[in-house]
Amino acid sequence: MGERKGESWEEWSWSRSVSETVNGSHELTIKGYSLAKGMGPGKYITSDTFTVGGYDWAVYFYPDGKNPEDNSVYVSVFIALASDGTDVRALFKLTLLDQTPKGNHKVHSHFDRPLESGPYTLKYRGSMWGYKRFFRRSLLENSEYLKNDCLVMHCTVGVVKTRFEGSKQGVIVPAPDMGRDFKSLFESQVGCDMVFKVKSESFKAHKLILAARSPVFRAQFFGLVGDPCLEEVVVEDIEPFIFKAMLLFIYSDKLPDIDEVMGSIPMCSYTVMVQHLLAAADLYNLDRLKMLCESKLSEEINTETVATTLALAEQHHCPQLKAICLKFIANPTNLGAVMQSEAFLHLKESCPSMLLELLETFASVDDNSGPTLTRKRSGSSIYGQDLADGGAAESVNPNGRRVRRRT
C-alpha cells in the first residue's frame, strides 16, 4: 500500500543503559584468634580467593592492625582484588557475626548508600578496600563476636556491570531446554531398550543416548566387541544412588541435587555423594561430570573432608583438585585439625607419597607467605577508617596523594 498524500511517517528507536551489581559472598572463619595475636602490625591472615563478577577477591584480616602507628589497638580488615583488572568498580559489605541468637552483627555496608560517593574503583590487581580501624581490639575480645576463640566474618562484593538494551536487539531466544526434555524422557521410561541391574535396584535407559554421552557405553553397545542387542547389564562396585545420579547427569547435563537422587532422607552428605560420583565419572569417561564434581568438591573442602578428597584426586588424576587440597592442608590454620582426622591417617597409610608433596607445598606456601598480590599495592590501596570513630573515608591514588571525603 502506498503512502497517503500529506501523511508522514516517523521512524523511532530506543536504547537503555542498565548498571547493576553482580553479587557474591565469602565466609572467613578464624579459629585460634588468640594464637594469631602478636604476629605484628601489617601481618595478616588471608582467606582463599573467591570469584565474583568475573574477578578474584580475597579477605585480609590483620590481628594487630595494618598500620604500626595504631600500636595494635585495632584489628584491620580489607578486601583485595586478587586477579588482573583495571578500574574495577564495586560495592562492599563486611559483617562480623554475633555468635549468639541475638544476631547483633557488626556491619559495614555500602550497598544501601552508593549515592553518597558511588562505588569504589580498584585500579588494578592488589588494590584494597577496607577498614584499618575495623574494631577496637579490647572491645572485640570481650564481645559476643568472639566465641570459643573463633571469629566468623562474611564478605559481600558487588561488582558493577553495565549492559545496553535497545530496539535493535531482535528476537529473544529462550534458554536451551534439551537437557530438561531428555531428563523427562529418562524419568518417563518411554522408549527404553535396556535395563541396568545395580544391586537391589533396576534402572531403564536408552542405549543410543548413553552411547552418545559416554565412550565406555559406546564401546559396550556398538564397539568392535560390543553387543547392540544387549538388553540387561549387571553393574557392580557402584551404589545404586550413585549410578542413578550419573544417569541423571547423562540425560540432563547437570549435576543432580541430593534430593533428586536420594529423596527426603539422604543416606550420606552431598559431599560424599559427589566424591563417589567423581569416581563413577572417571570410570565411564564422563569428562564434564568429572570436572563438575571437582569444582563442587573444591568449594566444599574443610578439615574433615580434605584428606579424602585429596586421595580421590590422586587416584582419579585430578591435578587441579589435588593442588587445591594440598594448598588447603598446607595452610597453618588448617594443618593441625587435618592431621588429627581419621581420613588423614588413612591417607598416610594408603598413599605415603602424598606426604612428600604436602611438605613441598607447605614449603612453597611458607616461602611466599609475604604479600604477593602486587608490588604496587601500598600505592593503590583504597580504604576507610572505622566509622565508629567518626573518621572520613580515605582513598590513595597511584601517585600517593590522599583525597579525603566525608562519610
Protein backbone atom coordinates (compact mmCIF):
# COMPACT_ATOMS: atom_id res chain seq x y z
CA MET A 1 0.00 0.00 0.00
CA GLY A 2 1.41 3.38 -0.99
CA GLU A 3 1.90 6.34 1.32
CA ARG A 4 -1.11 8.62 1.56
CA LYS A 5 -0.74 12.19 0.32
CA GLY A 6 0.14 14.58 3.13
CA GLU A 7 0.79 11.77 5.64
CA SER A 8 4.29 11.50 7.11
CA TRP A 9 5.91 8.51 8.81
CA GLU A 10 8.48 8.83 11.57
CA GLU A 11 10.83 6.02 12.46
CA TRP A 12 11.86 5.75 16.10
CA SER A 13 14.08 3.58 18.19
CA TRP A 14 15.08 3.33 21.83
CA SER A 15 18.05 2.32 23.91
CA ARG A 16 18.75 1.88 27.58
CA SER A 17 21.87 1.57 29.69
CA VAL A 18 21.43 -0.68 32.71
CA SER A 19 24.01 -0.69 35.51
CA GLU A 20 23.65 -3.34 38.20
CA THR A 21 25.80 -5.35 40.56
CA VAL A 22 26.79 -8.99 40.32
CA ASN A 23 26.93 -10.05 43.96
CA GLY A 24 28.78 -12.83 45.72
CA SER A 25 29.74 -13.63 49.31
CA HIS A 26 32.53 -15.42 51.12
CA GLU A 27 32.69 -16.59 54.73
CA LEU A 28 36.04 -16.41 56.52
CA THR A 29 36.34 -18.28 59.82
CA ILE A 30 39.32 -17.53 62.03
CA LYS A 31 39.90 -20.28 64.58
CA GLY A 32 42.51 -19.74 67.26
CA TYR A 33 42.26 -15.95 67.28
CA SER A 34 44.36 -15.67 70.45
CA LEU A 35 47.22 -17.51 68.74
CA ALA A 36 47.13 -15.10 65.80
CA LYS A 37 47.65 -12.08 68.06
CA GLY A 38 51.18 -10.80 68.32
CA MET A 39 52.22 -11.51 64.73
CA GLY A 40 52.81 -7.77 64.40
CA PRO A 41 51.27 -4.78 62.61
CA GLY A 42 50.96 -5.28 58.88
CA LYS A 43 50.91 -9.08 59.22
CA TYR A 44 47.71 -10.72 58.10
CA ILE A 45 45.59 -13.84 57.79
CA THR A 46 44.13 -14.20 54.31
CA SER A 47 41.13 -16.08 53.02
CA ASP A 48 41.24 -18.28 49.98
CA THR A 49 40.41 -16.44 46.77
CA PHE A 50 36.78 -16.36 45.66
CA THR A 51 35.26 -15.20 42.39
CA VAL A 52 32.57 -12.54 41.96
CA GLY A 53 31.67 -10.80 38.71
CA GLY A 54 34.50 -12.43 36.79
CA TYR A 55 37.21 -11.24 39.21
CA ASP A 56 39.04 -12.98 42.05
CA TRP A 57 38.93 -11.46 45.53
CA ALA A 58 40.49 -12.16 48.93
CA VAL A 59 39.84 -11.02 52.51
CA TYR A 60 42.78 -9.83 54.65
CA PHE A 61 42.47 -9.83 58.45
CA TYR A 62 45.18 -8.04 60.47
CA PRO A 63 45.01 -9.17 64.16
CA ASP A 64 47.47 -6.43 65.21
CA GLY A 65 46.24 -3.82 62.79
CA LYS A 66 47.56 -2.75 59.41
CA ASN A 67 49.42 0.38 60.48
CA PRO A 68 52.21 0.42 63.11
CA GLU A 69 51.15 3.87 64.35
CA ASP A 70 47.92 2.39 65.79
CA ASN A 71 50.00 0.31 68.26
CA SER A 72 47.84 -2.81 67.79
CA VAL A 73 44.82 -1.06 69.33
CA TYR A 74 42.59 -2.05 66.40
CA VAL A 75 42.10 -5.05 64.15
CA SER A 76 42.02 -4.23 60.44
CA VAL A 77 40.02 -5.88 57.67
CA PHE A 78 40.47 -5.35 53.93
CA ILE A 79 39.16 -6.81 50.68
CA ALA A 80 41.65 -7.07 47.82
CA LEU A 81 41.28 -7.51 44.09
CA ALA A 82 43.26 -10.72 43.56
CA SER A 83 43.14 -11.01 39.77
CA ASP A 84 44.06 -8.84 36.83
CA GLY A 85 41.67 -5.97 36.26
CA THR A 86 41.62 -2.26 35.52
CA ASP A 87 39.27 0.24 37.16
CA VAL A 88 37.02 -2.43 38.65
CA ARG A 89 34.04 -0.71 40.29
CA ALA A 90 32.41 -2.47 43.22
CA LEU A 91 30.39 -2.15 46.41
CA PHE A 92 31.35 -3.99 49.58
CA LYS A 93 29.88 -5.22 52.83
CA LEU A 94 31.83 -6.60 55.79
CA THR A 95 29.85 -8.38 58.52
CA LEU A 96 31.36 -9.65 61.78
CA LEU A 97 28.90 -12.25 63.06
CA ASP A 98 27.42 -12.14 66.55
CA GLN A 99 27.71 -15.82 67.51
CA THR A 100 24.71 -15.74 69.84
CA PRO A 101 20.98 -15.94 69.00
CA LYS A 102 20.80 -12.14 69.43
CA GLY A 103 22.14 -11.62 65.92
CA ASN A 104 23.61 -8.19 66.66
CA HIS A 105 26.14 -8.37 63.85
CA LYS A 106 28.68 -5.62 63.22
CA VAL A 107 28.03 -4.49 59.65
CA HIS A 108 29.87 -2.01 57.44
CA SER A 109 27.97 -1.80 54.14
CA HIS A 110 27.96 0.48 51.13
CA PHE A 111 25.17 -1.34 49.31
CA ASP A 112 22.50 0.82 50.96
CA ARG A 113 24.24 4.17 50.37
CA PRO A 114 26.03 4.16 46.98
CA LEU A 115 24.65 7.61 46.06
CA GLU A 116 26.87 9.31 48.61
CA SER A 117 30.09 8.68 46.74
CA GLY A 118 29.40 5.94 44.21
CA PRO A 119 31.04 2.52 44.06
CA TYR A 120 34.72 2.21 44.88
CA THR A 121 37.15 1.89 41.98
CA LEU A 122 40.01 -0.57 42.34
CA LYS A 123 42.70 0.45 39.91
CA TYR A 124 44.48 -2.84 39.37
CA ARG A 125 45.41 -6.20 40.91
CA GLY A 126 46.24 -5.72 44.57
CA SER A 127 44.06 -2.66 45.14
CA MET A 128 42.40 -2.89 48.55
CA TRP A 129 39.35 -1.52 50.30
CA GLY A 130 38.52 -1.87 53.96
CA TYR A 131 38.98 -0.51 57.46
CA LYS A 132 42.31 -0.04 59.18
CA ARG A 133 40.32 0.59 62.38
CA PHE A 134 37.64 -2.03 61.89
CA PHE A 135 37.20 -2.80 65.60
CA ARG A 136 38.95 -1.80 68.80
CA ARG A 137 40.68 -5.00 69.88
CA SER A 138 39.89 -4.72 73.61
CA LEU A 139 36.16 -4.44 72.80
CA LEU A 140 36.32 -7.30 70.30
CA GLU A 141 37.90 -9.68 72.78
CA ASN A 142 35.14 -9.06 75.33
CA SER A 143 32.26 -9.25 72.86
CA GLU A 144 29.85 -11.85 71.55
CA TYR A 145 31.67 -11.79 68.21
CA LEU A 146 34.47 -13.91 69.68
CA LYS A 147 33.30 -17.33 70.80
CA ASN A 148 35.50 -20.32 71.63
CA ASP A 149 38.47 -18.30 70.33
CA CYS A 150 36.78 -18.11 66.93
CA LEU A 151 35.65 -15.22 64.69
CA VAL A 152 33.32 -15.55 61.70
CA MET A 153 33.17 -12.86 59.04
CA HIS A 154 31.02 -12.53 55.93
CA CYS A 155 32.31 -10.52 53.00
CA THR A 156 29.97 -9.48 50.18
CA VAL A 157 31.26 -7.97 46.94
CA GLY A 158 29.02 -6.38 44.32
CA VAL A 159 30.84 -5.85 41.02
CA VAL A 160 29.25 -3.14 38.88
CA LYS A 161 28.32 -4.33 35.39
CA THR A 162 26.75 -2.21 32.66
CA ARG A 163 24.78 -3.57 29.74
CA PHE A 164 22.94 -1.88 26.88
CA GLU A 165 19.45 -2.67 25.64
CA GLY A 166 17.75 -1.33 22.57
CA SER A 167 15.04 -1.77 19.99
CA LYS A 168 17.51 -3.38 17.60
CA GLN A 169 18.09 -6.42 19.78
CA GLY A 170 15.94 -8.67 17.63
CA VAL A 171 14.08 -11.79 18.69
CA ILE A 172 14.72 -13.04 22.23
CA VAL A 173 15.61 -16.74 22.11
CA PRO A 174 14.74 -18.82 25.20
CA ALA A 175 17.39 -20.75 27.06
CA PRO A 176 18.20 -24.27 25.79
CA ASP A 177 15.85 -26.92 27.12
CA MET A 178 17.30 -30.08 25.58
CA GLY A 179 18.56 -31.31 28.95
CA ARG A 180 15.15 -30.86 30.51
CA ASP A 181 13.48 -32.79 27.67
CA PHE A 182 15.96 -35.67 27.83
CA LYS A 183 15.63 -35.85 31.62
CA SER A 184 11.85 -36.08 31.20
CA LEU A 185 12.38 -38.90 28.71
CA PHE A 186 14.54 -40.77 31.24
CA GLU A 187 12.04 -40.32 34.04
CA SER A 188 9.09 -41.39 31.88
CA GLN A 189 10.99 -44.51 30.64
CA VAL A 190 9.37 -44.09 27.21
CA GLY A 191 11.30 -45.99 24.52
CA CYS A 192 13.85 -47.55 26.90
CA ASP A 193 15.62 -50.52 25.35
CA MET A 194 17.81 -51.78 28.18
CA VAL A 195 17.95 -52.13 31.96
CA PHE A 196 20.81 -51.88 34.45
CA LYS A 197 20.77 -54.14 37.49
CA VAL A 198 22.60 -52.33 40.29
CA LYS A 199 22.46 -54.46 43.44
CA SER A 200 18.81 -54.47 44.50
CA GLU A 201 17.65 -51.72 42.12
CA SER A 202 16.99 -51.50 38.38
CA PHE A 203 17.30 -48.52 36.01
CA LYS A 204 15.92 -48.37 32.47
CA ALA A 205 17.71 -46.34 29.83
CA HIS A 206 18.27 -45.74 26.10
CA LYS A 207 21.37 -47.26 24.50
CA LEU A 208 21.74 -44.54 21.86
CA ILE A 209 21.69 -41.72 24.42
CA LEU A 210 24.19 -43.50 26.68
CA ALA A 211 26.47 -44.20 23.72
CA ALA A 212 26.33 -40.57 22.61
CA ARG A 213 27.43 -39.38 26.06
CA SER A 214 29.96 -41.99 27.20
CA PRO A 215 32.76 -43.63 25.17
CA VAL A 216 32.56 -46.60 27.55
CA PHE A 217 28.88 -47.21 26.81
CA ARG A 218 29.51 -46.66 23.09
CA ALA A 219 32.14 -49.38 23.08
CA GLN A 220 29.95 -51.68 25.20
CA PHE A 221 26.95 -51.44 22.86
CA PHE A 222 28.35 -50.56 19.43
CA GLY A 223 32.12 -51.22 19.55
CA LEU A 224 34.06 -53.99 17.82
CA VAL A 225 33.22 -56.41 20.60
CA GLY A 226 30.03 -54.65 21.69
CA ASP A 227 26.53 -56.09 21.54
CA PRO A 228 23.81 -53.75 20.19
CA CYS A 229 21.19 -56.33 21.16
CA LEU A 230 22.20 -56.27 24.82
CA GLU A 231 19.12 -55.72 26.97
CA GLU A 232 20.44 -56.14 30.51
CA VAL A 233 23.69 -55.18 32.24
CA VAL A 234 24.70 -56.03 35.79
CA VAL A 235 26.70 -53.23 37.44
CA GLU A 236 28.96 -53.97 40.38
CA ASP A 237 31.07 -51.79 42.69
CA ILE A 238 28.76 -48.75 42.35
CA GLU A 239 25.99 -47.89 44.77
CA PRO A 240 22.52 -47.63 43.18
CA PHE A 241 22.03 -43.98 44.13
CA ILE A 242 25.40 -43.05 42.58
CA PHE A 243 24.51 -44.84 39.35
CA LYS A 244 21.17 -43.04 39.31
CA ALA A 245 22.94 -39.70 39.81
CA MET A 246 25.25 -40.50 36.89
CA LEU A 247 22.29 -41.36 34.63
CA LEU A 248 20.56 -38.11 35.61
CA PHE A 249 23.65 -36.20 34.52
CA ILE A 250 23.90 -38.14 31.23
CA TYR A 251 20.36 -37.13 30.32
CA SER A 252 20.22 -33.59 31.78
CA ASP A 253 23.87 -32.45 31.56
CA LYS A 254 23.54 -31.06 35.10
CA LEU A 255 24.89 -32.14 38.47
CA PRO A 256 21.80 -33.52 40.25
CA ASP A 257 20.60 -32.33 43.64
CA ILE A 258 20.81 -34.72 46.56
CA ASP A 259 17.02 -34.92 46.92
CA GLU A 260 16.69 -35.92 43.25
CA VAL A 261 18.94 -38.88 43.94
CA MET A 262 18.04 -39.99 47.47
CA GLY A 263 14.70 -38.37 48.24
CA SER A 264 13.87 -36.63 51.50
CA ILE A 265 16.02 -38.94 53.67
CA PRO A 266 19.61 -38.78 52.34
CA MET A 267 21.90 -41.72 53.02
CA CYS A 268 25.01 -39.55 53.05
CA SER A 269 26.10 -35.94 52.76
CA TYR A 270 26.17 -34.12 49.44
CA THR A 271 29.97 -34.02 49.56
CA VAL A 272 30.20 -37.80 49.95
CA MET A 273 27.78 -38.28 47.06
CA VAL A 274 29.88 -36.05 44.81
CA GLN A 275 33.06 -37.87 45.84
CA HIS A 276 31.56 -41.20 44.72
CA LEU A 277 30.11 -39.58 41.60
CA LEU A 278 33.57 -38.35 40.59
CA ALA A 279 34.85 -41.92 40.72
CA ALA A 280 31.94 -43.11 38.56
CA ALA A 281 32.53 -40.28 36.08
CA ASP A 282 36.16 -41.34 35.73
CA LEU A 283 35.10 -44.97 35.20
CA TYR A 284 32.72 -44.09 32.35
CA ASN A 285 34.86 -41.32 30.81
CA LEU A 286 32.33 -38.59 31.52
CA ASP A 287 34.80 -35.72 31.48
CA ARG A 288 32.32 -32.89 32.03
CA LEU A 289 30.73 -34.65 35.01
CA LYS A 290 34.18 -35.27 36.42
CA MET A 291 35.06 -31.56 36.16
CA LEU A 292 31.74 -30.54 37.73
CA CYS A 293 32.45 -32.86 40.66
CA GLU A 294 35.96 -31.45 41.02
CA SER A 295 34.57 -27.92 41.07
CA LYS A 296 31.92 -28.75 43.67
CA LEU A 297 34.38 -30.62 45.90
CA SER A 298 36.83 -27.72 45.76
CA GLU A 299 34.06 -25.46 47.09
CA GLU A 300 33.14 -27.88 49.89
CA ILE A 301 36.65 -28.52 51.24
CA ASN A 302 37.04 -28.40 55.01
CA THR A 303 39.32 -30.02 57.60
CA GLU A 304 37.11 -33.14 57.78
CA THR A 305 36.80 -33.83 54.04
CA VAL A 306 40.06 -32.58 52.52
CA ALA A 307 42.13 -35.74 53.13
CA THR A 308 39.52 -37.99 51.49
CA THR A 309 39.14 -35.57 48.58
CA LEU A 310 42.94 -35.42 48.16
CA ALA A 311 43.17 -39.23 47.98
CA LEU A 312 40.35 -39.24 45.45
CA ALA A 313 42.03 -36.56 43.34
CA GLU A 314 45.27 -38.56 43.28
CA GLN A 315 43.54 -41.83 42.42
CA HIS A 316 41.44 -40.38 39.59
CA HIS A 317 44.00 -37.99 38.09
CA CYS A 318 42.50 -34.61 39.06
CA PRO A 319 45.55 -32.30 39.21
CA GLN A 320 43.61 -29.06 39.83
CA LEU A 321 41.61 -30.53 42.70
CA LYS A 322 44.74 -32.11 44.11
CA ALA A 323 46.59 -28.78 44.10
CA ILE A 324 43.68 -27.07 45.88
CA CYS A 325 43.62 -29.78 48.57
CA LEU A 326 47.38 -29.57 49.14
CA LYS A 327 47.22 -25.79 49.42
CA PHE A 328 44.36 -26.03 51.94
CA ILE A 329 46.19 -28.57 54.13
CA ALA A 330 49.45 -26.61 53.96
CA ASN A 331 47.75 -23.54 55.41
CA PRO A 332 49.00 -23.38 59.04
CA THR A 333 45.49 -22.61 60.30
CA ASN A 334 44.21 -25.91 58.86
CA LEU A 335 47.17 -28.27 59.22
CA GLY A 336 46.69 -29.31 62.85
CA ALA A 337 42.99 -30.15 62.52
CA VAL A 338 43.53 -32.06 59.27
CA MET A 339 46.34 -34.18 60.72
CA GLN A 340 44.06 -35.29 63.57
CA SER A 341 41.33 -36.55 61.25
CA GLU A 342 40.85 -40.26 60.58
CA ALA A 343 40.90 -39.63 56.84
CA PHE A 344 44.41 -38.17 57.07
CA LEU A 345 45.67 -41.21 58.98
CA HIS A 346 44.24 -43.41 56.24
CA LEU A 347 45.89 -41.18 53.61
CA LYS A 348 49.30 -41.65 55.24
CA GLU A 349 48.91 -45.42 55.10
CA SER A 350 47.38 -45.75 51.64
CA CYS A 351 49.31 -43.03 49.83
CA PRO A 352 52.55 -42.11 51.64
CA SER A 353 53.88 -40.24 48.60
CA MET A 354 51.30 -37.54 49.34
CA LEU A 355 53.24 -36.60 52.48
CA LEU A 356 56.25 -35.58 50.40
CA GLU A 357 54.08 -33.48 48.08
CA LEU A 358 52.41 -31.93 51.11
CA LEU A 359 55.82 -30.96 52.53
CA GLU A 360 56.78 -29.39 49.20
CA THR A 361 53.53 -27.42 49.12
CA PHE A 362 53.98 -26.34 52.74
CA ALA A 363 57.49 -25.10 51.97
CA SER A 364 56.19 -23.22 48.93
CA VAL A 365 53.45 -21.55 50.98
CA ASP A 366 55.96 -20.63 53.67
CA ASP A 367 58.38 -19.12 51.15
CA ASN A 368 55.61 -16.97 49.71
CA SER A 369 53.96 -16.00 52.99
CA GLY A 370 54.59 -12.30 52.45
CA PRO A 371 52.27 -10.01 50.46
CA THR A 372 52.35 -11.25 46.86
CA LEU A 373 49.41 -9.61 45.17
CA THR A 374 51.40 -6.77 43.67
CA ARG A 375 54.38 -4.57 44.35
CA LYS A 376 52.20 -1.51 43.83
CA ARG A 377 49.61 -2.44 46.41
CA SER A 378 50.59 0.17 49.00
CA GLY A 379 50.32 2.91 46.38
CA SER A 380 46.89 1.85 45.11
CA SER A 381 45.11 0.88 48.29
CA ILE A 382 41.63 2.18 48.92
CA TYR A 383 40.49 2.03 52.50
CA GLY A 384 38.28 3.72 55.09
CA GLN A 385 38.74 4.43 58.76
CA ASP A 386 36.44 2.87 61.34
CA LEU A 387 33.14 4.71 61.00
CA ALA A 388 32.52 4.29 64.72
CA ASP A 389 35.47 6.59 65.33
CA GLY A 390 33.92 9.30 63.17
CA GLY A 391 36.70 9.09 60.64
CA ALA A 392 36.45 10.05 56.99
CA ALA A 393 36.72 7.56 54.17
CA GLU A 394 40.17 7.86 52.66
CA SER A 395 41.50 6.81 49.28
CA VAL A 396 45.04 6.74 47.99
CA ASN A 397 45.68 7.40 44.32
CA PRO A 398 48.57 5.75 42.42
CA ASN A 399 50.73 8.87 42.96
CA GLY A 400 50.44 8.57 46.71
CA ARG A 401 48.29 11.68 47.17
CA ARG A 402 45.47 11.23 49.67
CA VAL A 403 42.00 12.57 49.00
CA ARG A 404 39.57 12.73 51.92
CA ARG A 405 35.84 12.60 51.54
CA ARG A 406 33.11 12.74 54.13
CA THR A 407 31.30 9.57 55.28
